[in-house]
Amino acid sequence: MGTRAIKQQVLGLLQQDDLAGIETELARLQEKELVNALFSGICHSAEQIRWHAVSVMGSAVARLAEQDMEEARVILRRMLWSLNDESGGIGWGAPESMAEIMCRHEGLADEYIHMLISYMRPDGEEECQDGNFLEHEMLQQGLMWAIGRLAQYRKKHLLVRGVEHDLPPYLESSDATVCGLAARAIGLLGRTEGIGRLRELAKKDQRAVRLYNQGNFSTVSVAELAALALQKLQEVG
């Protein structure tokens, strides 16, 4: 089957509702062929195709890593490059896909999670630069989702790098999705940084946020996400 035909097959399957069925069907393809097609999916304008592509990218690259770790690293580096200003691209879907991959493969998380975190941080002084701050709000949306996703599977990796201190500024975002997903990530991390702002948001912020979780879509308010975060913090505390 040619590259174009594989891409059409993959995008067609990603439109379906059953994520588990999609993953089972696409697992029959060679990982490298599948991943190349999925790059068209993670930046697709259709919500269901885009998010299903992110999920399948995670499982596909994790399988690839078990066969050839260096090939999996190439995929992660390709995503990192897409977020670089010099790439000429924008990097749609890259933070989300990187997170999904790292949730499914601890070895890749060990190697690359610090790079994903760097996109939350501004550049430092020249001799100790470690930040690659993403200014575009749509990329910040993906980044906040990514941190929340990793908080479910790689919490220790995040906390040891102090991510809880990077999240509160995003609670001030004028973008509802960035703000809401930052609140969600704080709750999942179980740290109280930003708790005062969370209380404010839980009282009054009714802006809508579209939320994706492993094949399921929902629309919630920023207030609901902040309230849920506060509940989780109370449970931890």
Foldseek 3Di string as FASTA:
>chain_A
DDLVVLLVVLLVLLVDQDLVVSLVVLVVDQLVSLLVSLVCQCQDPDPSSNVSSLLSLQVSLLVVCVVPVVVSVVSLVVLLLQCDPVNVHNNRRSLSSLLSNCLSHVVSCVVPVQVLLLCLDDFDPPVDGRHDHDDDVNVLLSSLQSLQSCLQRPLVSCVVVPSLVSLLVQCPDPDFSSNLSSLLNLLSSLDCVNLVSLVVCLVDFQDWYWDDDSSDIDIGTSNVSSVSSVVSNVVSD
